[in-house]
PDB file of all heavy atoms in Angstrom:
ATOM      1  N   CYS A   1      91.057 102.256 110.105  1.00  0.00           N
ATOM      2  CA  CYS A   1      92.275 101.754 109.465  1.00  0.00           C
ATOM      3  C   CYS A   1      92.171 102.052 107.976  1.00  0.00           C
ATOM      4  O   CYS A   1      91.071 101.985 107.401  1.00  0.00           O
ATOM      5  CB  CYS A   1      92.398 100.255 109.707  1.00  0.00           C
ATOM      6  SG  CYS A   1      93.696  99.406 108.756  1.00  0.00           S
ATOM      7  N   VAL A   2      93.283 102.384 107.343  1.00  0.00           N
ATOM      8  CA  VAL A   2      93.292 102.519 105.891  1.00  0.00           C
ATOM      9  C   VAL A   2      94.321 101.563 105.304  1.00  0.00           C
ATOM     10  O   VAL A   2      95.314 101.217 105.950  1.00  0.00           O
ATOM     11  CB  VAL A   2      93.582 103.959 105.419  1.00  0.00           C
ATOM     12  CG1 VAL A   2      92.481 104.906 105.867  1.00  0.00           C
ATOM     13  CG2 VAL A   2      94.945 104.441 105.868  1.00  0.00           C
ATOM     14  N   VAL A   3      94.052 101.130 104.081  1.00  0.00           N
ATOM     15  CA  VAL A   3      94.897 100.158 103.400  1.00  0.00           C
ATOM     16  C   VAL A   3      95.535 100.811 102.174  1.00  0.00           C
ATOM     17  O   VAL A   3      94.837 101.363 101.322  1.00  0.00           O
ATOM     18  CB  VAL A   3      94.086  98.918 102.970  1.00  0.00           C
ATOM     19  CG1 VAL A   3      95.014  97.868 102.338  1.00  0.00           C
ATOM     20  CG2 VAL A   3      93.320  98.334 104.144  1.00  0.00           C
ATOM     21  N   ASP A   4      96.858 100.746 102.097  1.00  0.00           N
ATOM     22  CA  ASP A   4      97.630 101.207 100.943  1.00  0.00           C
ATOM     23  C   ASP A   4      97.349 102.667 100.569  1.00  0.00           C
ATOM     24  O   ASP A   4      96.862 102.968  99.476  1.00  0.00           O
ATOM     25  CB  ASP A   4      97.369 100.298  99.740  1.00  0.00           C
ATOM     26  CG  ASP A   4      98.086  98.972  99.827  1.00  0.00           C
ATOM     27  OD1 ASP A   4      98.972  98.833 100.689  1.00  0.00           O
ATOM     28  OD2 ASP A   4      97.752  98.060  99.041  1.00  0.00           O
ATOM     29  N   PRO A   5      97.704 103.600 101.459  1.00  0.00           N
ATOM     30  CA  PRO A   5      97.477 105.021 101.154  1.00  0.00           C
ATOM     31  C   PRO A   5      98.514 105.564 100.173  1.00  0.00           C
ATOM     32  O   PRO A   5      99.558 106.087 100.565  1.00  0.00           O
ATOM     33  CB  PRO A   5      97.601 105.688 102.528  1.00  0.00           C
ATOM     34  CG  PRO A   5      98.568 104.823 103.276  1.00  0.00           C
ATOM     35  CD  PRO A   5      98.290 103.421 102.807  1.00  0.00           C
ATOM     36  N   GLY A   6      98.216 105.467  98.912  1.00  0.00           N
ATOM     37  CA  GLY A   6      99.128 105.977  97.900  1.00  0.00           C
ATOM     38  C   GLY A   6      99.116 107.482  97.788  1.00  0.00           C
ATOM     39  O   GLY A   6      99.988 108.068  97.144  1.00  0.00           O
ATOM     40  N   GLU A   7      98.134 108.113  98.409  1.00  0.00           N
ATOM     41  CA  GLU A   7      97.982 109.557  98.351  1.00  0.00           C
ATOM     42  C   GLU A   7      97.478 110.032  99.704  1.00  0.00           C
ATOM     43  O   GLU A   7      96.708 109.333 100.378  1.00  0.00           O
ATOM     44  CB  GLU A   7      97.008 109.932  97.233  1.00  0.00           C
ATOM     45  CG  GLU A   7      96.970 111.384  96.885  1.00  0.00           C
ATOM     46  CD  GLU A   7      96.063 111.680  95.695  1.00  0.00           C
ATOM     47  OE1 GLU A   7      95.307 110.787  95.269  1.00  0.00           O
ATOM     48  OE2 GLU A   7      96.121 112.821  95.200  1.00  0.00           O
ATOM     49  N   THR A   8      97.891 111.228 100.106  1.00  0.00           N
ATOM     50  CA  THR A   8      97.557 111.734 101.428  1.00  0.00           C
ATOM     51  C   THR A   8      96.215 112.463 101.477  1.00  0.00           C
ATOM     52  O   THR A   8      95.386 112.207 102.361  1.00  0.00           O
ATOM     53  CB  THR A   8      98.651 112.712 101.910  1.00  0.00           C
ATOM     54  OG1 THR A   8      99.919 112.076 101.845  1.00  0.00           O
ATOM     55  CG2 THR A   8      98.379 113.156 103.333  1.00  0.00           C
ATOM     56  N   ALA A   9      95.984 113.375 100.548  1.00  0.00           N
ATOM     57  CA  ALA A   9      94.844 114.296 100.637  1.00  0.00           C
ATOM     58  C   ALA A   9      93.488 113.602 100.751  1.00  0.00           C
ATOM     59  O   ALA A   9      92.659 114.007 101.574  1.00  0.00           O
ATOM     60  CB  ALA A   9      94.856 115.257  99.447  1.00  0.00           C
ATOM     61  N   PRO A  10      93.200 112.560  99.961  1.00  0.00           N
ATOM     62  CA  PRO A  10      91.876 111.940 100.080  1.00  0.00           C
ATOM     63  C   PRO A  10      91.630 111.318 101.447  1.00  0.00           C
ATOM     64  O   PRO A  10      90.490 111.304 101.937  1.00  0.00           O
ATOM     65  CB  PRO A  10      91.886 110.867  98.983  1.00  0.00           C
ATOM     66  CG  PRO A  10      92.944 111.274  98.033  1.00  0.00           C
ATOM     67  CD  PRO A  10      93.980 111.958  98.864  1.00  0.00           C
ATOM     68  N   VAL A  11      92.691 110.797 102.075  1.00  0.00           N
ATOM     69  CA  VAL A  11      92.550 110.208 103.407  1.00  0.00           C
ATOM     70  C   VAL A  11      92.282 111.301 104.435  1.00  0.00           C
ATOM     71  O   VAL A  11      91.358 111.187 105.262  1.00  0.00           O
ATOM     72  CB  VAL A  11      93.812 109.400 103.792  1.00  0.00           C
ATOM     73  CG1 VAL A  11      93.676 108.856 105.207  1.00  0.00           C
ATOM     74  CG2 VAL A  11      94.047 108.273 102.799  1.00  0.00           C
ATOM     75  N   ILE A  12      93.074 112.365 104.398  1.00  0.00           N
ATOM     76  CA  ILE A  12      92.865 113.463 105.343  1.00  0.00           C
ATOM     77  C   ILE A  12      91.457 114.040 105.189  1.00  0.00           C
ATOM     78  O   ILE A  12      90.780 114.353 106.174  1.00  0.00           O
ATOM     79  CB  ILE A  12      93.926 114.562 105.139  1.00  0.00           C
ATOM     80  CG1 ILE A  12      95.306 114.034 105.537  1.00  0.00           C
ATOM     81  CG2 ILE A  12      93.572 115.817 105.931  1.00  0.00           C
ATOM     82  CD1 ILE A  12      96.434 115.024 105.291  1.00  0.00           C
ATOM     83  N   ASP A  13      90.995 114.157 103.966  1.00  0.00           N
ATOM     84  CA  ASP A  13      89.684 114.741 103.711  1.00  0.00           C
ATOM     85  C   ASP A  13      88.573 113.971 104.414  1.00  0.00           C
ATOM     86  O   ASP A  13      87.735 114.560 105.110  1.00  0.00           O
ATOM     87  CB  ASP A  13      89.423 114.786 102.201  1.00  0.00           C
ATOM     88  CG  ASP A  13      88.072 115.390 101.873  1.00  0.00           C
ATOM     89  OD1 ASP A  13      87.860 116.578 102.160  1.00  0.00           O
ATOM     90  OD2 ASP A  13      87.213 114.660 101.333  1.00  0.00           O
ATOM     91  N   ILE A  14      88.563 112.643 104.279  1.00  0.00           N
ATOM     92  CA  ILE A  14      87.495 111.873 104.898  1.00  0.00           C
ATOM     93  C   ILE A  14      87.660 111.793 106.411  1.00  0.00           C
ATOM     94  O   ILE A  14      86.683 111.811 107.160  1.00  0.00           O
ATOM     95  CB  ILE A  14      87.384 110.459 104.271  1.00  0.00           C
ATOM     96  CG1 ILE A  14      86.070 109.794 104.696  1.00  0.00           C
ATOM     97  CG2 ILE A  14      88.575 109.589 104.624  1.00  0.00           C
ATOM     98  CD1 ILE A  14      85.767 108.517 103.932  1.00  0.00           C
ATOM     99  N   LEU A  15      88.913 111.750 106.884  1.00  0.00           N
ATOM    100  CA  LEU A  15      89.129 111.727 108.329  1.00  0.00           C
ATOM    101  C   LEU A  15      88.624 113.011 108.976  1.00  0.00           C
ATOM    102  O   LEU A  15      87.934 112.980 110.018  1.00  0.00           O
ATOM    103  CB  LEU A  15      90.619 111.547 108.634  1.00  0.00           C
ATOM    104  CG  LEU A  15      91.255 110.214 108.269  1.00  0.00           C
ATOM    105  CD1 LEU A  15      92.744 110.251 108.565  1.00  0.00           C
ATOM    106  CD2 LEU A  15      90.601 109.051 108.997  1.00  0.00           C
ATOM    107  N   GLU A  16      88.930 114.147 108.373  1.00  0.00           N
ATOM    108  CA  GLU A  16      88.522 115.425 108.942  1.00  0.00           C
ATOM    109  C   GLU A  16      87.020 115.646 108.779  1.00  0.00           C
ATOM    110  O   GLU A  16      86.352 116.158 109.694  1.00  0.00           O
ATOM    111  CB  GLU A  16      89.301 116.557 108.274  1.00  0.00           C
ATOM    112  CG  GLU A  16      90.812 116.455 108.426  1.00  0.00           C
ATOM    113  CD  GLU A  16      91.262 116.512 109.874  1.00  0.00           C
ATOM    114  OE1 GLU A  16      90.768 117.363 110.621  1.00  0.00           O
ATOM    115  OE2 GLU A  16      92.118 115.676 110.260  1.00  0.00           O
ATOM    116  N   ARG A  17      86.492 115.271 107.640  1.00  0.00           N
ATOM    117  CA  ARG A  17      85.071 115.492 107.373  1.00  0.00           C
ATOM    118  C   ARG A  17      84.181 114.696 108.314  1.00  0.00           C
ATOM    119  O   ARG A  17      83.121 115.166 108.750  1.00  0.00           O
ATOM    120  CB  ARG A  17      84.756 115.131 105.917  1.00  0.00           C
ATOM    121  CG  ARG A  17      83.331 115.467 105.489  1.00  0.00           C
ATOM    122  CD  ARG A  17      83.129 115.236 104.012  1.00  0.00           C
ATOM    123  NE  ARG A  17      83.180 113.843 103.636  1.00  0.00           N
ATOM    124  CZ  ARG A  17      84.143 113.304 102.897  1.00  0.00           C
ATOM    125  NH1 ARG A  17      85.157 114.045 102.479  1.00  0.00           N
ATOM    126  NH2 ARG A  17      84.109 112.018 102.577  1.00  0.00           N
ATOM    127  N   GLU A  18      84.617 113.465 108.653  1.00  0.00           N
ATOM    128  CA  GLU A  18      83.794 112.594 109.493  1.00  0.00           C
ATOM    129  C   GLU A  18      84.328 112.468 110.914  1.00  0.00           C
ATOM    130  O   GLU A  18      83.855 111.630 111.680  1.00  0.00           O
ATOM    131  CB  GLU A  18      83.672 111.217 108.839  1.00  0.00           C
ATOM    132  CG  GLU A  18      83.043 111.279 107.448  1.00  0.00           C
ATOM    133  CD  GLU A  18      82.684 109.904 106.899  1.00  0.00           C
ATOM    134  OE1 GLU A  18      82.554 108.952 107.706  1.00  0.00           O
ATOM    135  OE2 GLU A  18      82.534 109.794 105.661  1.00  0.00           O
ATOM    136  N   ALA A  19      85.298 113.299 111.262  1.00  0.00           N
ATOM    137  CA  ALA A  19      85.874 113.314 112.618  1.00  0.00           C
ATOM    138  C   ALA A  19      86.339 111.927 113.048  1.00  0.00           C
ATOM    139  O   ALA A  19      86.029 111.444 114.136  1.00  0.00           O
ATOM    140  CB  ALA A  19      84.858 113.873 113.619  1.00  0.00           C
ATOM    141  N   LEU A  20      87.117 111.285 112.171  1.00  0.00           N
ATOM    142  CA  LEU A  20      87.628 109.951 112.430  1.00  0.00           C
ATOM    143  C   LEU A  20      89.068 110.018 112.924  1.00  0.00           C
ATOM    144  O   LEU A  20      89.790 110.970 112.637  1.00  0.00           O
ATOM    145  CB  LEU A  20      87.559 109.104 111.152  1.00  0.00           C
ATOM    146  CG  LEU A  20      86.178 108.937 110.525  1.00  0.00           C
ATOM    147  CD1 LEU A  20      86.280 108.233 109.182  1.00  0.00           C
ATOM    148  CD2 LEU A  20      85.240 108.183 111.464  1.00  0.00           C
ATOM    149  N   THR A  21      89.479 108.973 113.635  1.00  0.00           N
ATOM    150  CA  THR A  21      90.839 108.868 114.154  1.00  0.00           C
ATOM    151  C   THR A  21      91.570 107.755 113.405  1.00  0.00           C
ATOM    152  O   THR A  21      91.115 106.605 113.408  1.00  0.00           O
ATOM    153  CB  THR A  21      90.838 108.551 115.657  1.00  0.00           C
ATOM    154  OG1 THR A  21      90.160 109.595 116.355  1.00  0.00           O
ATOM    155  CG2 THR A  21      92.259 108.428 116.186  1.00  0.00           C
ATOM    156  N   LEU A  22      92.686 108.084 112.782  1.00  0.00           N
ATOM    157  CA  LEU A  22      93.457 107.080 112.054  1.00  0.00           C
ATOM    158  C   LEU A  22      94.277 106.261 113.042  1.00  0.00           C
ATOM    159  O   LEU A  22      95.277 106.739 113.581  1.00  0.00           O
ATOM    160  CB  LEU A  22      94.358 107.740 111.012  1.00  0.00           C
ATOM    161  CG  LEU A  22      95.177 106.776 110.145  1.00  0.00           C
ATOM    162  CD1 LEU A  22      94.279 105.809 109.392  1.00  0.00           C
ATOM    163  CD2 LEU A  22      96.055 107.555 109.169  1.00  0.00           C
ATOM    164  N   ASP A  23      93.851 105.036 113.252  1.00  0.00           N
ATOM    165  CA  ASP A  23      94.488 104.161 114.242  1.00  0.00           C
ATOM    166  C   ASP A  23      95.575 103.288 113.611  1.00  0.00           C
ATOM    167  O   ASP A  23      96.626 103.076 114.206  1.00  0.00           O
ATOM    168  CB  ASP A  23      93.428 103.275 114.888  1.00  0.00           C
ATOM    169  CG  ASP A  23      94.003 102.295 115.894  1.00  0.00           C
ATOM    170  OD1 ASP A  23      94.262 102.708 117.035  1.00  0.00           O
ATOM    171  OD2 ASP A  23      94.209 101.105 115.528  1.00  0.00           O
ATOM    172  N   THR A  24      95.309 102.765 112.402  1.00  0.00           N
ATOM    173  CA  THR A  24      96.201 101.766 111.799  1.00  0.00           C
ATOM    174  C   THR A  24      96.261 101.964 110.293  1.00  0.00           C
ATOM    175  O   THR A  24      95.279 102.373 109.663  1.00  0.00           O
ATOM    176  CB  THR A  24      95.690 100.337 112.099  1.00  0.00           C
ATOM    177  OG1 THR A  24      95.562 100.166 113.505  1.00  0.00           O
ATOM    178  CG2 THR A  24      96.641  99.279 111.546  1.00  0.00           C
ATOM    179  N   ILE A  25      97.414 101.650 109.723  1.00  0.00           N
ATOM    180  CA  ILE A  25      97.585 101.600 108.267  1.00  0.00           C
ATOM    181  C   ILE A  25      98.115 100.219 107.902  1.00  0.00           C
ATOM    182  O   ILE A  25      99.067  99.726 108.517  1.00  0.00           O
ATOM    183  CB  ILE A  25      98.568 102.681 107.777  1.00  0.00           C
ATOM    184  CG1 ILE A  25      98.016 104.087 108.038  1.00  0.00           C
ATOM    185  CG2 ILE A  25      98.869 102.503 106.285  1.00  0.00           C
ATOM    186  CD1 ILE A  25      98.991 105.205 107.688  1.00  0.00           C
ATOM    187  N   LEU A  26      97.510  99.600 106.904  1.00  0.00           N
ATOM    188  CA  LEU A  26      97.992  98.332 106.352  1.00  0.00           C
ATOM    189  C   LEU A  26      98.648  98.596 105.001  1.00  0.00           C
ATOM    190  O   LEU A  26      98.103  99.341 104.179  1.00  0.00           O
ATOM    191  CB  LEU A  26      96.847  97.335 106.162  1.00  0.00           C
ATOM    192  CG  LEU A  26      96.089  96.846 107.389  1.00  0.00           C
ATOM    193  CD1 LEU A  26      95.020  95.844 106.975  1.00  0.00           C
ATOM    194  CD2 LEU A  26      97.033  96.219 108.403  1.00  0.00           C
TER     195      LEU A  26
END
């Protein structure tokens, strides 16, 4: 889950780098 994604690229970077699945956003 990520909280308050004011920017897209940093989130995509860590999700792809660590093979994570974005389930929820708060």
